Amino acid sequence: QHQIQRTPHLFKKVSGNPASQSKGTESKFLKEFVNLKLIGEGAFGCVFNAENVLDEWNYAVKRITLRNKTDKEVFNALREVRVMAQFDHPGIVRYNSTWIETPTQEDIQRLNDRESLLFGPSKQMHTVMGNTFFIYIQMQLCKYSLEHWLERNQLSREASKMKHWFTQIVSAVEYIHGRGVIHRDLKPSNILFVEEDRLKICDLGIATERSECDPAKRIELDDESELNDVPDRTFNIGTALYMSPEQMTWDYNNKVDIFSLGLIFAEMCLPMAGKVRSEVFSDFKSGKCNKVLLPLPSEMIAFLQWLTQLDITLRPTSTEIMQYFARRKEDVRVSDSRTTKQKFEKLKIRDKKLKKISDTITDKEVEEKTIASEAFQFPDTKNWLEMSLEKYHKTNPTEVAPAGLIHEIRAELVQMEKKMAKELHDKRRMLAALEK
């Protein structure tokens, strides 16, 4: 169960007399959190890295300062709480609890003293002025933002990793849209790394409900009749650089988030300096393709143009983007399967060729041995015959071998020598051809 007070009670609490809260009550934030580190600061408040004294775990604690605010402004300030409390998705920063404090001057002084000691002079120095109160939002602590990662990695980026990260972001946006909510301020600084390869969306402070969504999926509000003066869409809310063209008007829907996703993905795929990035984004908002994008694959450029279509009816939904990536993954799987089969067939052919070469080498070795043996044996045979004739003469000096027989033997030896020489020559030529 999220530790959040119901909306109407919050309105009554914070819009009433601050003195209605018991004076001297110690600040929950100062009591339950230590080792404060300021990790973010803006117009609406600041964010601390704070350790909880009970579980000794570090959290991100956002503190929003409100003074003399109306119910409508309180409603807007609590928008992030109402949205985060009902979200449960691995791609969205986890919400823990929220509470409101009406500080005394003593609390303010203690807070200022602690912050000055830790951080030096701060924009968030406080004084008690009228109906002043703090809204604290305790949530999951992340490591760093995508904005910081992009700034630190200005060289070429691995396309497969960028697609993997972007798929995580789109999955979270699909969940947000499925709940009937528009983020309206998607940008790299609102996308955080909880681990080296896991990203989460944060800062849902200006998220709004879509009236055209399924009522069953809308964020439920207690006693919405009290808030009927709060518009479904707020005019010109968001960061201008990543804002879609139609977001400058009243007429827009969740496709504004898709346009922002297109700009974010372009920045992820291609390192861009500040001025170049502004020019590229400006061209997207005019329906043009900046030449800076030309080094990207044509399919990638077409994908970016799809996400940044000026006609919102041609711009995809977050679900269609996820389906696109699923199809691409399946295409790659099928392609890999075909490639593997082709490689297997090539290996079989190669093995056959290797066996043939191996057999040829074996035959060659046998032939070489045969030739060497024959070439070695022939002179021995010739010498043996010559020695036999000579021995015959020595042992039988008085007898003369028939002249015809001796002539025939020697003539046969000459023919044998010529024949052997020719055979040796032919075999060596054949082996030389095999080597080629």
Protein backbone atom coordinates (compact mmCIF):
# COMPACT_ATOMS: atom_id res chain seq x y z
CA GLN A 1 0.00 0.00 0.00
CA HIS A 2 1.35 3.39 -0.99
CA GLN A 3 1.53 5.82 1.89
CA ILE A 4 -0.46 8.63 0.29
CA GLN A 5 -3.27 10.70 1.74
CA ARG A 6 -6.38 11.01 -0.40
CA THR A 7 -6.55 14.12 -2.56
CA PRO A 8 -9.50 16.02 -0.96
CA HIS A 9 -7.95 15.65 2.48
CA LEU A 10 -4.70 17.02 1.13
CA PHE A 11 -6.48 20.06 -0.22
CA LYS A 12 -8.17 20.73 3.11
CA LYS A 13 -4.88 20.23 4.93
CA VAL A 14 -2.64 22.41 2.81
CA SER A 15 -5.13 25.14 1.94
CA GLY A 16 -6.21 25.66 5.53
CA ASN A 17 -4.48 27.54 8.31
CA PRO A 18 -0.89 26.32 8.78
CA ALA A 19 -1.38 26.82 12.48
CA SER A 20 -3.88 23.95 12.40
CA GLN A 21 -0.84 21.65 12.40
CA SER A 22 0.65 21.16 15.79
CA LYS A 23 3.50 23.55 16.25
CA GLY A 24 6.80 22.21 17.30
CA THR A 25 6.23 18.92 15.47
CA GLU A 26 9.61 17.81 14.18
CA SER A 27 10.00 17.58 10.44
CA LYS A 28 9.55 14.02 9.17
CA PHE A 29 12.16 14.72 6.51
CA LEU A 30 14.75 15.96 9.01
CA LYS A 31 13.92 13.21 11.47
CA GLU A 32 13.86 10.17 9.17
CA PHE A 33 16.53 11.04 6.60
CA VAL A 34 20.25 11.69 6.99
CA ASN A 35 23.34 12.11 4.79
CA LEU A 36 21.53 14.47 2.46
CA LYS A 37 23.04 15.16 -0.97
CA LEU A 38 21.50 17.68 -3.34
CA ILE A 39 21.28 15.99 -6.75
CA GLY A 40 18.84 18.26 -8.57
CA GLU A 41 17.42 21.75 -8.33
CA GLY A 42 14.83 23.62 -10.37
CA ALA A 43 12.07 26.22 -10.36
CA PHE A 44 9.60 24.01 -8.47
CA GLY A 45 11.93 22.57 -5.85
CA CYS A 46 14.89 20.26 -5.42
CA VAL A 47 15.78 16.57 -5.20
CA PHE A 48 17.93 14.95 -2.49
CA ASN A 49 19.80 11.69 -2.28
CA ALA A 50 18.81 10.83 1.30
CA GLU A 51 19.41 7.82 3.53
CA ASN A 52 16.45 6.54 5.55
CA VAL A 53 17.47 6.01 9.18
CA LEU A 54 15.17 2.98 9.57
CA ASP A 55 16.00 0.78 6.58
CA GLU A 56 19.41 2.42 5.86
CA TRP A 57 18.49 2.59 2.19
CA ASN A 58 19.07 5.60 -0.05
CA TYR A 59 16.13 7.24 -1.82
CA ALA A 60 15.52 10.19 -4.08
CA VAL A 61 13.36 12.65 -2.14
CA LYS A 62 11.82 15.48 -4.16
CA ARG A 63 10.75 18.55 -2.21
CA ILE A 64 8.28 20.98 -3.78
CA THR A 65 7.84 24.35 -2.07
CA LEU A 66 4.41 26.01 -2.28
CA ARG A 67 3.36 29.37 -0.88
CA ASN A 68 -0.17 30.82 -0.81
CA LYS A 69 -1.32 28.38 -3.47
CA THR A 70 -4.87 27.76 -4.64
CA ASP A 71 -6.51 24.34 -4.75
CA LYS A 72 -5.91 24.19 -8.49
CA GLU A 73 -2.19 24.84 -8.06
CA VAL A 74 -1.99 22.29 -5.27
CA PHE A 75 -3.71 19.81 -7.57
CA ASN A 76 -1.07 20.43 -10.24
CA ALA A 77 1.72 20.07 -7.67
CA LEU A 78 0.30 16.72 -6.56
CA ARG A 79 -0.19 15.49 -10.12
CA GLU A 80 3.07 13.52 -10.05
CA VAL A 81 2.09 11.84 -6.78
CA ARG A 82 -1.30 10.76 -8.08
CA VAL A 83 0.19 9.38 -11.28
CA MET A 84 3.22 7.61 -9.76
CA ALA A 85 1.18 6.06 -6.93
CA GLN A 86 -0.82 3.97 -9.40
CA PHE A 87 2.00 3.05 -11.77
CA ASP A 88 3.85 -0.27 -11.51
CA HIS A 89 6.21 -0.87 -14.42
CA PRO A 90 9.93 -1.79 -14.61
CA GLY A 91 10.51 1.19 -16.90
CA ILE A 92 9.08 3.81 -14.51
CA VAL A 93 10.82 5.10 -11.38
CA ARG A 94 9.24 3.39 -8.36
CA TYR A 95 7.15 5.52 -5.99
CA ASN A 96 7.40 5.01 -2.22
CA SER A 97 5.46 7.65 -0.31
CA THR A 98 4.56 11.30 -0.03
CA TRP A 99 3.77 13.70 2.80
CA ILE A 100 3.18 17.37 3.44
CA GLU A 101 4.89 19.52 6.03
CA THR A 102 4.02 23.02 7.17
CA PRO A 103 7.35 24.15 8.57
CA THR A 104 7.89 26.63 11.38
CA GLN A 105 10.50 29.36 11.12
CA GLU A 106 12.70 27.17 13.33
CA ASP A 107 12.34 24.26 10.89
CA ILE A 108 13.19 26.54 7.99
CA GLN A 109 16.29 27.84 9.76
CA ARG A 110 17.47 24.32 10.59
CA LEU A 111 16.88 23.26 7.00
CA ASN A 112 18.70 26.27 5.59
CA ASP A 113 21.61 25.77 7.99
CA ARG A 114 21.94 22.10 7.04
CA GLU A 115 21.72 22.81 3.31
CA SER A 116 24.18 25.71 3.49
CA LEU A 117 26.63 23.51 5.36
CA LEU A 118 26.27 20.66 2.86
CA PHE A 119 25.80 22.47 -0.43
CA GLY A 120 26.73 26.13 0.02
CA PRO A 121 24.38 28.95 -1.05
CA SER A 122 21.26 27.53 -2.72
CA LYS A 123 18.33 28.81 -4.75
CA GLN A 124 16.14 26.89 -2.35
CA MET A 125 16.79 29.02 0.76
CA HIS A 126 13.45 29.21 2.55
CA THR A 127 11.51 31.62 4.73
CA VAL A 128 8.06 31.18 6.22
CA MET A 129 5.72 33.47 4.29
CA GLY A 130 2.00 33.06 4.77
CA ASN A 131 0.62 29.66 3.86
CA THR A 132 3.99 28.01 3.13
CA PHE A 133 4.37 24.24 2.96
CA PHE A 134 6.54 21.52 1.49
CA ILE A 135 5.38 18.50 -0.50
CA TYR A 136 7.86 15.61 -0.21
CA ILE A 137 7.87 12.71 -2.68
CA GLN A 138 10.03 9.70 -1.76
CA MET A 139 10.98 7.47 -4.68
CA GLN A 140 13.56 5.09 -6.09
CA LEU A 141 17.08 6.48 -6.40
CA CYS A 142 18.72 6.10 -9.81
CA LYS A 143 22.36 6.50 -10.84
CA TYR A 144 22.43 9.11 -13.60
CA SER A 145 20.35 10.39 -16.50
CA LEU A 146 20.44 9.60 -20.20
CA GLU A 147 21.32 13.26 -20.71
CA HIS A 148 24.53 12.79 -18.70
CA TRP A 149 25.35 9.58 -20.58
CA LEU A 150 24.92 11.32 -23.95
CA GLU A 151 27.15 14.19 -22.84
CA ARG A 152 29.89 11.78 -21.76
CA ASN A 153 29.69 9.63 -24.90
CA GLN A 154 30.11 11.98 -27.86
CA LEU A 155 31.81 9.43 -30.11
CA SER A 156 30.06 6.80 -32.22
CA ARG A 157 27.44 4.71 -30.44
CA GLU A 158 26.55 1.05 -30.80
CA ALA A 159 23.28 0.90 -32.77
CA SER A 160 22.09 -2.37 -31.21
CA LYS A 161 22.54 -0.97 -27.69
CA MET A 162 20.68 2.24 -28.56
CA LYS A 163 17.78 0.19 -29.94
CA HIS A 164 17.73 -1.93 -26.79
CA TRP A 165 17.59 1.15 -24.57
CA PHE A 166 15.01 2.85 -26.75
CA THR A 167 12.77 -0.22 -26.64
CA GLN A 168 12.79 0.00 -22.83
CA ILE A 169 11.77 3.67 -23.00
CA VAL A 170 8.97 2.99 -25.49
CA SER A 171 7.72 0.08 -23.37
CA ALA A 172 7.33 2.45 -20.40
CA VAL A 173 5.59 5.05 -22.57
CA GLU A 174 3.25 2.34 -23.87
CA TYR A 175 2.33 1.54 -20.26
CA ILE A 176 1.77 5.23 -19.46
CA HIS A 177 -0.44 5.70 -22.52
CA GLY A 178 -2.29 2.49 -21.72
CA ARG A 179 -3.24 4.03 -18.37
CA GLY A 180 -4.72 7.01 -20.16
CA VAL A 181 -1.89 9.42 -19.34
CA ILE A 182 0.30 11.70 -21.47
CA HIS A 183 3.79 12.40 -20.10
CA ARG A 184 4.28 15.68 -22.04
CA ASP A 185 7.88 16.25 -20.98
CA LEU A 186 9.91 13.33 -22.31
CA LYS A 187 13.58 14.26 -22.64
CA PRO A 188 16.97 12.67 -21.83
CA SER A 189 17.15 14.33 -18.39
CA ASN A 190 13.86 12.61 -17.44
CA ILE A 191 15.17 9.17 -18.42
CA LEU A 192 17.35 7.61 -15.73
CA PHE A 193 19.69 4.63 -15.44
CA VAL A 194 18.91 2.42 -12.46
CA GLU A 195 21.63 0.05 -13.68
CA GLU A 196 24.14 0.21 -16.51
CA ASP A 197 21.71 -1.29 -19.02
CA ARG A 198 18.29 -0.53 -17.48
CA LEU A 199 16.45 2.75 -17.96
CA LYS A 200 13.43 4.28 -16.25
CA ILE A 201 11.21 7.26 -16.96
CA CYS A 202 10.73 9.83 -14.22
CA ASP A 203 9.32 13.32 -13.60
CA LEU A 204 5.61 12.81 -14.20
CA GLY A 205 4.86 16.19 -12.64
CA ILE A 206 3.13 17.57 -15.72
CA ALA A 207 1.57 14.33 -16.91
CA THR A 208 -2.10 14.65 -17.71
CA GLU A 209 -5.08 12.36 -18.24
CA ARG A 210 -6.47 11.81 -21.72
CA SER A 211 -10.21 12.36 -21.78
CA GLU A 212 -10.53 10.25 -24.92
CA CYS A 213 -9.06 7.16 -23.25
CA ASP A 214 -11.04 4.24 -21.91
CA PRO A 215 -12.57 5.50 -18.63
CA ALA A 216 -11.68 2.21 -16.96
CA LYS A 217 -8.01 2.90 -17.60
CA ARG A 218 -7.97 6.52 -16.43
CA ILE A 219 -6.25 7.58 -13.25
CA GLU A 220 -9.01 7.75 -10.66
CA LEU A 221 -9.42 10.96 -8.67
CA ASP A 222 -11.33 11.31 -5.43
CA ASP A 223 -14.25 13.68 -5.81
CA GLU A 224 -13.29 15.06 -9.23
CA SER A 225 -16.16 17.53 -8.99
CA GLU A 226 -13.97 19.59 -6.69
CA LEU A 227 -11.39 19.86 -9.45
CA ASN A 228 -13.53 20.50 -12.51
CA ASP A 229 -11.71 23.74 -13.17
CA VAL A 230 -8.46 21.86 -13.84
CA PRO A 231 -8.04 21.39 -17.63
CA ASP A 232 -7.29 17.96 -19.13
CA ARG A 233 -4.38 19.47 -21.03
CA THR A 234 -2.24 22.34 -19.91
CA PHE A 235 -1.23 24.93 -22.46
CA ASN A 236 2.42 25.02 -23.55
CA ILE A 237 3.67 22.63 -20.86
CA GLY A 238 6.93 20.78 -21.45
CA THR A 239 10.50 21.46 -22.53
CA ALA A 240 10.43 23.43 -25.78
CA LEU A 241 13.43 21.68 -27.37
CA TYR A 242 11.78 18.24 -27.26
CA MET A 243 8.21 19.49 -27.67
CA SER A 244 6.08 18.53 -30.70
CA PRO A 245 4.72 21.39 -32.86
CA GLU A 246 1.10 20.75 -31.84
CA GLN A 247 1.97 20.86 -28.14
CA MET A 248 2.19 24.64 -28.51
CA THR A 249 -1.59 24.61 -28.96
CA TRP A 250 -4.51 23.28 -26.96
CA ASP A 251 -5.25 20.56 -29.50
CA TYR A 252 -3.05 17.54 -28.88
CA ASN A 253 -3.09 13.95 -27.61
CA ASN A 254 -0.56 11.32 -26.56
CA LYS A 255 1.13 11.53 -29.98
CA VAL A 256 3.11 14.47 -28.53
CA ASP A 257 5.10 11.90 -26.56
CA ILE A 258 5.83 9.96 -29.78
CA PHE A 259 7.30 13.06 -31.42
CA SER A 260 9.53 13.60 -28.38
CA LEU A 261 10.62 9.95 -28.57
CA GLY A 262 11.68 10.49 -32.17
CA LEU A 263 13.89 13.42 -31.20
CA ILE A 264 15.37 11.50 -28.28
CA PHE A 265 16.17 8.48 -30.46
CA ALA A 266 17.81 10.71 -33.08
CA GLU A 267 20.06 12.13 -30.37
CA MET A 268 20.84 8.63 -29.09
CA CYS A 269 21.83 7.34 -32.54
CA LEU A 270 23.89 10.32 -33.65
CA PRO A 271 26.10 12.44 -31.35
CA MET A 272 25.09 16.08 -31.79
CA ALA A 273 26.44 19.28 -30.26
CA GLY A 274 24.01 21.86 -28.88
CA LYS A 275 23.64 24.08 -31.96
CA VAL A 276 23.54 21.16 -34.40
CA ARG A 277 20.95 19.40 -32.25
CA SER A 278 18.74 22.50 -32.24
CA GLU A 279 18.95 22.73 -36.04
CA VAL A 280 18.17 19.03 -36.51
CA PHE A 281 15.20 19.20 -34.15
CA SER A 282 13.96 22.40 -35.81
CA ASP A 283 14.03 20.65 -39.20
CA PHE A 284 12.06 17.72 -37.77
CA LYS A 285 9.43 20.20 -36.56
CA SER A 286 9.28 21.63 -40.09
CA GLY A 287 8.97 18.23 -41.73
CA LYS A 288 12.52 18.29 -43.11
CA CYS A 289 15.41 15.85 -42.92
CA ASN A 290 18.65 17.53 -41.87
CA LYS A 291 21.79 16.48 -43.79
CA VAL A 292 23.43 15.65 -40.44
CA LEU A 293 21.28 12.49 -40.40
CA LEU A 294 22.56 11.21 -43.76
CA PRO A 295 25.30 8.98 -42.24
CA LEU A 296 22.53 6.93 -40.60
CA PRO A 297 21.11 3.90 -42.45
CA SER A 298 18.15 4.81 -44.68
CA GLU A 299 15.88 2.54 -42.64
CA MET A 300 16.83 4.42 -39.47
CA ILE A 301 16.11 7.79 -41.08
CA ALA A 302 12.72 6.53 -42.27
CA PHE A 303 11.94 5.33 -38.74
CA LEU A 304 12.79 8.74 -37.25
CA GLN A 305 10.64 10.47 -39.86
CA TRP A 306 7.78 8.11 -38.99
CA LEU A 307 7.93 9.09 -35.32
CA THR A 308 8.12 12.82 -36.13
CA GLN A 309 5.35 13.03 -38.73
CA LEU A 310 3.66 16.43 -38.57
CA ASP A 311 0.34 14.77 -39.36
CA ILE A 312 -0.43 13.03 -36.06
CA THR A 313 -2.66 10.50 -37.84
CA LEU A 314 0.46 9.21 -39.63
CA ARG A 315 2.53 9.19 -36.45
CA PRO A 316 2.60 5.73 -34.80
CA THR A 317 1.31 4.87 -31.35
CA SER A 318 3.68 3.51 -28.72
CA THR A 319 2.13 0.06 -29.27
CA GLU A 320 2.82 0.25 -33.01
CA ILE A 321 6.45 1.12 -32.29
CA MET A 322 6.76 -1.93 -30.02
CA GLN A 323 5.16 -4.07 -32.75
CA TYR A 324 7.65 -2.66 -35.26
CA PHE A 325 10.59 -3.68 -33.07
CA ALA A 326 9.02 -7.11 -32.49
CA ARG A 327 8.73 -7.64 -36.27
CA ARG A 328 12.29 -6.50 -36.80
CA LYS A 329 13.46 -8.91 -34.10
CA GLU A 330 11.53 -11.75 -35.75
CA ASP A 331 12.95 -10.81 -39.16
CA VAL A 332 16.44 -10.90 -37.69
CA ARG A 333 15.69 -14.26 -36.06
CA VAL A 334 14.44 -15.74 -39.36
CA SER A 335 17.35 -14.18 -41.21
CA ASP A 336 19.79 -15.59 -38.66
CA SER A 337 18.15 -19.01 -39.03
CA ARG A 338 18.49 -18.87 -42.81
CA THR A 339 22.05 -17.63 -42.53
CA THR A 340 22.88 -20.46 -40.13
CA LYS A 341 21.41 -23.01 -42.56
CA GLN A 342 23.33 -21.48 -45.46
CA LYS A 343 26.52 -21.53 -43.41
CA PHE A 344 25.89 -25.20 -42.55
CA GLU A 345 25.45 -26.08 -46.23
CA LYS A 346 28.62 -24.17 -47.08
CA LEU A 347 30.46 -26.05 -44.35
CA LYS A 348 29.27 -29.38 -45.80
CA ILE A 349 30.53 -28.38 -49.25
CA ARG A 350 33.79 -27.20 -47.74
CA ASP A 351 34.19 -30.49 -45.86
CA LYS A 352 33.72 -32.42 -49.12
CA LYS A 353 36.34 -30.27 -50.81
CA LEU A 354 38.71 -30.73 -47.89
CA LYS A 355 38.22 -34.52 -48.04
CA LYS A 356 38.93 -34.52 -51.77
CA ILE A 357 42.06 -32.45 -51.23
CA SER A 358 43.08 -34.75 -48.37
CA ASP A 359 42.59 -37.82 -50.59
CA THR A 360 44.54 -36.13 -53.38
CA ILE A 361 47.37 -35.33 -50.98
CA THR A 362 47.37 -38.95 -49.80
CA ASP A 363 47.47 -40.22 -53.42
CA LYS A 364 50.24 -37.76 -54.14
CA GLU A 365 52.27 -39.03 -51.20
CA VAL A 366 51.77 -42.64 -52.36
CA GLU A 367 52.80 -41.75 -55.92
CA GLU A 368 55.87 -39.90 -54.68
CA LYS A 369 56.89 -42.90 -52.60
CA THR A 370 56.27 -45.25 -55.55
CA ILE A 371 58.31 -43.08 -57.88
CA ALA A 372 61.10 -42.77 -55.36
CA SER A 373 61.06 -46.52 -54.80
CA GLU A 374 61.08 -47.35 -58.50
CA ALA A 375 63.74 -44.77 -59.21
CA PHE A 376 65.81 -46.28 -56.42
CA GLN A 377 65.27 -49.92 -57.46
CA PHE A 378 66.03 -49.59 -61.20
CA PRO A 379 69.71 -48.71 -60.86
CA ASP A 380 70.10 -51.62 -58.46
CA THR A 381 68.60 -54.02 -61.02
CA LYS A 382 70.85 -52.71 -63.77
CA ASN A 383 73.92 -52.88 -61.58
CA TRP A 384 73.00 -56.40 -60.48
CA LEU A 385 72.88 -57.60 -64.10
CA GLU A 386 76.16 -55.90 -64.95
CA MET A 387 77.79 -57.39 -61.85
CA SER A 388 76.38 -60.81 -62.68
CA LEU A 389 77.92 -60.73 -66.14
CA GLU A 390 81.23 -59.55 -64.76
CA LYS A 391 81.17 -62.28 -62.10
CA TYR A 392 80.34 -64.86 -64.77
CA HIS A 393 83.44 -63.84 -66.74
CA LYS A 394 85.63 -64.04 -63.62
CA THR A 395 84.38 -67.45 -62.54
CA ASN A 396 84.39 -68.85 -66.04
CA PRO A 397 87.33 -67.18 -67.76
CA THR A 398 87.62 -69.93 -70.29
CA GLU A 399 83.97 -69.72 -71.27
CA VAL A 400 82.52 -66.93 -73.25
CA ALA A 401 78.87 -66.06 -72.82
CA PRO A 402 76.93 -66.11 -76.02
CA ALA A 403 77.44 -62.75 -77.62
CA GLY A 404 73.80 -62.59 -78.68
CA LEU A 405 72.55 -63.10 -75.10
CA ILE A 406 74.78 -60.38 -73.66
CA HIS A 407 73.71 -57.97 -76.37
CA GLU A 408 70.04 -58.70 -75.76
CA ILE A 409 70.39 -58.22 -72.00
CA ARG A 410 72.15 -54.90 -72.38
CA ALA A 411 69.67 -53.71 -75.04
CA GLU A 412 66.79 -54.66 -72.72
CA LEU A 413 68.38 -52.71 -69.88
CA VAL A 414 68.65 -49.61 -72.08
CA GLN A 415 64.97 -49.91 -73.05
CA MET A 416 63.97 -50.41 -69.45
CA GLU A 417 65.93 -47.32 -68.44
CA LYS A 418 64.27 -45.19 -71.12
CA LYS A 419 60.83 -46.50 -70.25
CA MET A 420 61.38 -45.86 -66.55
CA ALA A 421 62.65 -42.34 -67.24
CA LYS A 422 59.54 -41.59 -69.32
CA GLU A 423 57.22 -42.97 -66.65
CA LEU A 424 58.97 -40.95 -63.98
CA HIS A 425 58.66 -37.80 -66.11
CA ASP A 426 54.94 -38.39 -66.76
CA LYS A 427 54.21 -39.06 -63.10
CA ARG A 428 56.02 -35.93 -62.00
CA ARG A 429 54.04 -33.85 -64.51
CA MET A 430 50.81 -35.37 -63.17
CA LEU A 431 51.78 -34.54 -59.58
CA ALA A 432 52.67 -30.98 -60.61
CA ALA A 433 49.21 -30.63 -62.19
CA LEU A 434 47.58 -31.94 -59.01
CA GLU A 435 49.46 -29.36 -56.95
CA LYS A 436 48.05 -26.58 -59.12
